[in-house]
Amino acid sequence: MRAPPRRQRTDLAEDGALIVSELVTNAVRHARRASLRVVIDRPGATRLRIGVVDFSRARPVLGAPGPRDEDGRGLALVAELAAEWGTDALPWGKRVWAELRTAEDG
């Protein structure tokens, strides 16, 4: 397992915005529901957790798109930027989350 990426706070903002964009895009494209929720949490002084909650129970799948495919890279990008990512089942849907860590995490 690779060591978690460590980022400065300015990098967190850029990476966090990209992660939110990818997770929201996935929820809109695949959950096909009228609403979703973005949740940002600080589970520790050096961690930032970004989650997108939707009403679909279908779990996301990390794909392996080919070089000519126009989509399918979102979760791979999230996995590369995040120290960890995953899915939590909820009684009425799911939460897909990604966690970033700052340079102070050691």
N, C-alpha and C. Protein backbone atom coordinates (compact mmCIF):
# COMPACT_ATOMS: atom_id res chain seq x y z
N MET A 1 0.85 -1.18 0.00
CA MET A 1 0.00 0.00 0.00
C MET A 1 0.89 1.23 0.00
N ARG A 2 0.54 2.21 -0.81
CA ARG A 2 1.37 3.41 -0.90
C ARG A 2 1.09 4.35 0.28
N ALA A 3 2.08 5.18 0.57
CA ALA A 3 1.91 6.15 1.65
C ALA A 3 0.89 7.19 1.22
N PRO A 4 0.06 7.69 2.15
CA PRO A 4 -0.93 8.70 1.79
C PRO A 4 -0.26 9.98 1.30
N PRO A 5 -0.81 10.60 0.25
CA PRO A 5 -0.26 11.88 -0.18
C PRO A 5 -0.42 12.92 0.91
N ARG A 6 0.59 13.74 1.10
CA ARG A 6 0.52 14.82 2.09
C ARG A 6 0.54 16.14 1.36
N ARG A 7 -0.40 17.01 1.70
CA ARG A 7 -0.57 18.24 0.95
C ARG A 7 -0.62 19.44 1.88
N GLN A 8 -0.18 20.57 1.34
CA GLN A 8 -0.33 21.84 2.04
C GLN A 8 -1.79 22.27 1.93
N ARG A 9 -2.19 23.23 2.73
CA ARG A 9 -3.61 23.64 2.74
C ARG A 9 -4.08 24.18 1.40
N THR A 10 -3.23 24.91 0.66
CA THR A 10 -3.66 25.40 -0.65
C THR A 10 -3.89 24.24 -1.61
N ASP A 11 -3.06 23.20 -1.51
CA ASP A 11 -3.27 22.02 -2.34
C ASP A 11 -4.56 21.32 -1.95
N LEU A 12 -4.88 21.33 -0.67
CA LEU A 12 -6.13 20.70 -0.21
C LEU A 12 -7.34 21.35 -0.88
N ALA A 13 -7.32 22.66 -1.00
CA ALA A 13 -8.45 23.36 -1.61
C ALA A 13 -8.61 22.94 -3.07
N GLU A 14 -7.52 22.90 -3.81
CA GLU A 14 -7.59 22.51 -5.22
C GLU A 14 -8.00 21.04 -5.37
N ASP A 15 -7.35 20.17 -4.61
CA ASP A 15 -7.68 18.75 -4.70
C ASP A 15 -9.09 18.49 -4.20
N GLY A 16 -9.48 19.17 -3.13
CA GLY A 16 -10.83 19.01 -2.60
C GLY A 16 -11.89 19.44 -3.60
N ALA A 17 -11.66 20.55 -4.29
CA ALA A 17 -12.62 21.01 -5.30
C ALA A 17 -12.75 20.00 -6.43
N LEU A 18 -11.63 19.43 -6.85
CA LEU A 18 -11.67 18.43 -7.92
C LEU A 18 -12.39 17.16 -7.46
N ILE A 19 -12.14 16.74 -6.23
CA ILE A 19 -12.81 15.56 -5.69
C ILE A 19 -14.32 15.79 -5.59
N VAL A 20 -14.73 16.95 -5.08
CA VAL A 20 -16.16 17.27 -5.02
C VAL A 20 -16.77 17.20 -6.41
N SER A 21 -16.10 17.79 -7.38
CA SER A 21 -16.60 17.80 -8.75
C SER A 21 -16.78 16.38 -9.29
N GLU A 22 -15.79 15.53 -9.09
CA GLU A 22 -15.87 14.16 -9.60
C GLU A 22 -16.96 13.35 -8.88
N LEU A 23 -17.04 13.47 -7.56
CA LEU A 23 -18.05 12.70 -6.82
C LEU A 23 -19.46 13.17 -7.13
N VAL A 24 -19.65 14.48 -7.26
CA VAL A 24 -20.97 15.00 -7.62
C VAL A 24 -21.34 14.57 -9.04
N THR A 25 -20.39 14.65 -9.95
CA THR A 25 -20.65 14.21 -11.33
C THR A 25 -21.09 12.75 -11.35
N ASN A 26 -20.39 11.90 -10.62
CA ASN A 26 -20.77 10.49 -10.55
C ASN A 26 -22.18 10.32 -10.00
N ALA A 27 -22.50 11.04 -8.94
CA ALA A 27 -23.83 10.93 -8.34
C ALA A 27 -24.91 11.37 -9.32
N VAL A 28 -24.67 12.46 -10.02
CA VAL A 28 -25.66 12.97 -10.97
C VAL A 28 -25.83 11.99 -12.13
N ARG A 29 -24.74 11.47 -12.65
CA ARG A 29 -24.80 10.58 -13.82
C ARG A 29 -25.36 9.20 -13.49
N HIS A 30 -24.99 8.66 -12.33
CA HIS A 30 -25.32 7.28 -12.05
C HIS A 30 -26.48 7.09 -11.08
N ALA A 31 -26.63 7.97 -10.11
CA ALA A 31 -27.75 7.82 -9.17
C ALA A 31 -29.05 8.27 -9.80
N ARG A 32 -28.97 9.24 -10.69
CA ARG A 32 -30.14 9.74 -11.42
C ARG A 32 -31.30 10.08 -10.50
N ARG A 33 -30.98 10.83 -9.47
CA ARG A 33 -32.01 11.29 -8.53
C ARG A 33 -32.01 12.81 -8.51
N ALA A 34 -33.07 13.39 -7.99
CA ALA A 34 -33.23 14.84 -8.01
C ALA A 34 -32.36 15.56 -6.99
N SER A 35 -31.87 14.85 -5.98
CA SER A 35 -31.10 15.56 -4.96
C SER A 35 -29.91 14.72 -4.51
N LEU A 36 -28.92 15.43 -3.98
CA LEU A 36 -27.76 14.83 -3.35
C LEU A 36 -27.26 15.82 -2.31
N ARG A 37 -26.32 15.38 -1.50
CA ARG A 37 -25.80 16.24 -0.45
C ARG A 37 -24.28 16.12 -0.43
N VAL A 38 -23.60 17.26 -0.33
CA VAL A 38 -22.15 17.28 -0.17
C VAL A 38 -21.87 17.53 1.30
N VAL A 39 -21.03 16.68 1.89
CA VAL A 39 -20.69 16.78 3.31
C VAL A 39 -19.18 16.90 3.43
N ILE A 40 -18.73 17.90 4.16
CA ILE A 40 -17.30 18.07 4.41
C ILE A 40 -17.10 18.04 5.92
N ASP A 41 -16.18 17.19 6.34
CA ASP A 41 -15.97 16.95 7.76
C ASP A 41 -14.47 17.01 8.06
N ARG A 42 -14.14 17.38 9.28
CA ARG A 42 -12.75 17.37 9.76
C ARG A 42 -12.65 16.33 10.86
N PRO A 43 -12.39 15.06 10.53
CA PRO A 43 -12.32 14.03 11.56
C PRO A 43 -11.06 14.12 12.41
N GLY A 44 -10.16 15.01 12.07
CA GLY A 44 -8.94 15.21 12.84
C GLY A 44 -8.28 16.50 12.39
N ALA A 45 -7.29 16.95 13.14
CA ALA A 45 -6.64 18.22 12.82
C ALA A 45 -5.94 18.20 11.47
N THR A 46 -5.54 17.03 11.01
CA THR A 46 -4.78 16.95 9.75
C THR A 46 -5.53 16.21 8.66
N ARG A 47 -6.83 16.02 8.85
CA ARG A 47 -7.62 15.28 7.85
C ARG A 47 -8.85 16.07 7.44
N LEU A 48 -9.22 15.91 6.18
CA LEU A 48 -10.42 16.51 5.63
C LEU A 48 -11.15 15.43 4.86
N ARG A 49 -12.40 15.18 5.22
CA ARG A 49 -13.19 14.15 4.55
C ARG A 49 -14.31 14.82 3.76
N ILE A 50 -14.38 14.48 2.49
CA ILE A 50 -15.39 15.00 1.57
C ILE A 50 -16.30 13.84 1.21
N GLY A 51 -17.60 14.05 1.36
CA GLY A 51 -18.55 12.99 1.02
C GLY A 51 -19.67 13.50 0.18
N VAL A 52 -20.19 12.64 -0.68
CA VAL A 52 -21.39 12.95 -1.46
C VAL A 52 -22.40 11.86 -1.16
N VAL A 53 -23.57 12.28 -0.70
CA VAL A 53 -24.64 11.36 -0.30
C VAL A 53 -25.74 11.43 -1.36
N ASP A 54 -26.18 10.25 -1.81
CA ASP A 54 -27.30 10.20 -2.75
C ASP A 54 -28.25 9.07 -2.36
N PHE A 55 -29.34 8.96 -3.09
CA PHE A 55 -30.38 8.00 -2.75
C PHE A 55 -30.25 6.67 -3.48
N SER A 56 -29.17 6.48 -4.21
CA SER A 56 -28.96 5.20 -4.91
C SER A 56 -28.16 4.26 -4.02
N ARG A 57 -28.49 3.00 -4.03
CA ARG A 57 -27.72 2.02 -3.26
C ARG A 57 -26.61 1.38 -4.10
N ALA A 58 -26.57 1.69 -5.39
CA ALA A 58 -25.54 1.13 -6.27
C ALA A 58 -24.18 1.72 -5.91
N ARG A 59 -23.22 0.84 -5.63
CA ARG A 59 -21.88 1.30 -5.26
C ARG A 59 -21.10 1.69 -6.50
N PRO A 60 -20.23 2.70 -6.36
CA PRO A 60 -19.42 3.10 -7.51
C PRO A 60 -18.38 2.02 -7.83
N VAL A 61 -17.98 1.98 -9.08
CA VAL A 61 -17.00 1.00 -9.54
C VAL A 61 -15.80 1.73 -10.11
N LEU A 62 -14.63 1.40 -9.59
CA LEU A 62 -13.39 1.98 -10.10
C LEU A 62 -13.10 1.32 -11.44
N GLY A 63 -13.21 2.10 -12.51
CA GLY A 63 -13.06 1.56 -13.85
C GLY A 63 -11.63 1.57 -14.34
N ALA A 64 -11.44 0.99 -15.51
CA ALA A 64 -10.14 0.98 -16.18
C ALA A 64 -10.38 1.39 -17.63
N PRO A 65 -10.64 2.69 -17.87
CA PRO A 65 -10.94 3.14 -19.22
C PRO A 65 -9.72 3.04 -20.13
N GLY A 66 -10.00 2.85 -21.40
CA GLY A 66 -8.94 2.82 -22.39
C GLY A 66 -8.54 4.23 -22.79
N PRO A 67 -7.47 4.37 -23.54
CA PRO A 67 -6.97 5.70 -23.91
C PRO A 67 -7.94 6.50 -24.78
N ARG A 68 -8.84 5.84 -25.47
CA ARG A 68 -9.80 6.55 -26.32
C ARG A 68 -11.15 6.79 -25.65
N ASP A 69 -11.35 6.23 -24.46
CA ASP A 69 -12.61 6.44 -23.74
C ASP A 69 -12.69 7.87 -23.26
N GLU A 70 -13.89 8.46 -23.37
CA GLU A 70 -14.09 9.85 -22.98
C GLU A 70 -14.44 10.01 -21.51
N ASP A 71 -14.84 8.95 -20.85
CA ASP A 71 -15.18 9.06 -19.44
C ASP A 71 -14.73 7.81 -18.71
N GLY A 72 -15.03 7.74 -17.41
CA GLY A 72 -14.66 6.57 -16.62
C GLY A 72 -13.40 6.75 -15.80
N ARG A 73 -12.88 7.97 -15.75
CA ARG A 73 -11.64 8.23 -15.01
C ARG A 73 -11.86 8.92 -13.66
N GLY A 74 -13.09 9.28 -13.36
CA GLY A 74 -13.37 10.07 -12.17
C GLY A 74 -12.91 9.43 -10.87
N LEU A 75 -13.29 8.19 -10.64
CA LEU A 75 -12.90 7.54 -9.38
C LEU A 75 -11.40 7.25 -9.35
N ALA A 76 -10.80 6.98 -10.49
CA ALA A 76 -9.35 6.79 -10.53
C ALA A 76 -8.64 8.07 -10.11
N LEU A 77 -9.16 9.20 -10.55
CA LEU A 77 -8.60 10.49 -10.15
C LEU A 77 -8.80 10.72 -8.66
N VAL A 78 -9.98 10.42 -8.15
CA VAL A 78 -10.25 10.55 -6.71
C VAL A 78 -9.29 9.66 -5.93
N ALA A 79 -9.11 8.42 -6.37
CA ALA A 79 -8.22 7.48 -5.68
C ALA A 79 -6.77 7.98 -5.68
N GLU A 80 -6.36 8.64 -6.74
CA GLU A 80 -4.99 9.15 -6.82
C GLU A 80 -4.79 10.36 -5.90
N LEU A 81 -5.78 11.23 -5.81
CA LEU A 81 -5.65 12.44 -5.00
C LEU A 81 -5.85 12.19 -3.51
N ALA A 82 -6.69 11.23 -3.17
CA ALA A 82 -7.07 11.00 -1.77
C ALA A 82 -6.13 10.02 -1.08
N ALA A 83 -5.98 10.22 0.22
CA ALA A 83 -5.24 9.26 1.03
C ALA A 83 -6.05 7.97 1.15
N GLU A 84 -7.38 8.12 1.23
CA GLU A 84 -8.31 6.99 1.28
C GLU A 84 -9.61 7.42 0.64
N TRP A 85 -10.36 6.46 0.14
CA TRP A 85 -11.72 6.74 -0.33
C TRP A 85 -12.55 5.48 -0.14
N GLY A 86 -13.86 5.65 -0.12
CA GLY A 86 -14.71 4.49 0.07
C GLY A 86 -16.17 4.84 -0.05
N THR A 87 -16.99 3.86 0.27
CA THR A 87 -18.44 4.01 0.19
C THR A 87 -19.05 3.48 1.48
N ASP A 88 -19.97 4.22 2.06
CA ASP A 88 -20.72 3.78 3.23
C ASP A 88 -22.16 3.56 2.81
N ALA A 89 -22.67 2.37 3.06
CA ALA A 89 -24.08 2.10 2.79
C ALA A 89 -24.94 2.81 3.83
N LEU A 90 -26.02 3.40 3.39
CA LEU A 90 -26.99 4.05 4.26
C LEU A 90 -28.34 3.35 4.07
N PRO A 91 -29.25 3.48 5.01
CA PRO A 91 -30.54 2.78 4.87
C PRO A 91 -31.30 3.17 3.60
N TRP A 92 -31.07 4.37 3.09
CA TRP A 92 -31.82 4.87 1.95
C TRP A 92 -30.91 5.24 0.78
N GLY A 93 -29.63 4.89 0.82
CA GLY A 93 -28.73 5.24 -0.27
C GLY A 93 -27.29 4.94 0.10
N LYS A 94 -26.41 5.87 -0.22
CA LYS A 94 -24.99 5.67 0.09
C LYS A 94 -24.27 7.01 0.24
N ARG A 95 -23.09 6.93 0.84
CA ARG A 95 -22.17 8.07 0.93
C ARG A 95 -20.86 7.61 0.30
N VAL A 96 -20.40 8.32 -0.71
CA VAL A 96 -19.09 8.08 -1.30
C VAL A 96 -18.19 9.18 -0.76
N TRP A 97 -17.05 8.80 -0.20
CA TRP A 97 -16.20 9.78 0.47
C TRP A 97 -14.74 9.61 0.05
N ALA A 98 -14.00 10.70 0.23
CA ALA A 98 -12.56 10.71 0.00
C ALA A 98 -11.94 11.54 1.11
N GLU A 99 -10.79 11.09 1.58
CA GLU A 99 -10.12 11.77 2.68
C GLU A 99 -8.76 12.30 2.23
N LEU A 100 -8.54 13.59 2.52
CA LEU A 100 -7.27 14.23 2.24
C LEU A 100 -6.54 14.45 3.55
N ARG A 101 -5.22 14.44 3.48
CA ARG A 101 -4.41 14.70 4.67
C ARG A 101 -3.44 15.82 4.38
N THR A 102 -3.16 16.62 5.41
CA THR A 102 -2.25 17.75 5.24
C THR A 102 -0.81 17.31 5.47
N ALA A 103 0.12 18.20 5.17
CA ALA A 103 1.55 17.91 5.34
C ALA A 103 1.90 17.69 6.80
N GLU A 104 1.08 18.22 7.72
CA GLU A 104 1.36 18.04 9.15
C GLU A 104 1.07 16.64 9.63
N ASP A 105 0.36 15.84 8.81
CA ASP A 105 0.01 14.47 9.20
C ASP A 105 1.27 13.62 9.17
N GLY A 106 1.58 12.97 10.24
CA GLY A 106 2.81 12.22 10.22
C GLY A 106 2.74 11.05 11.09
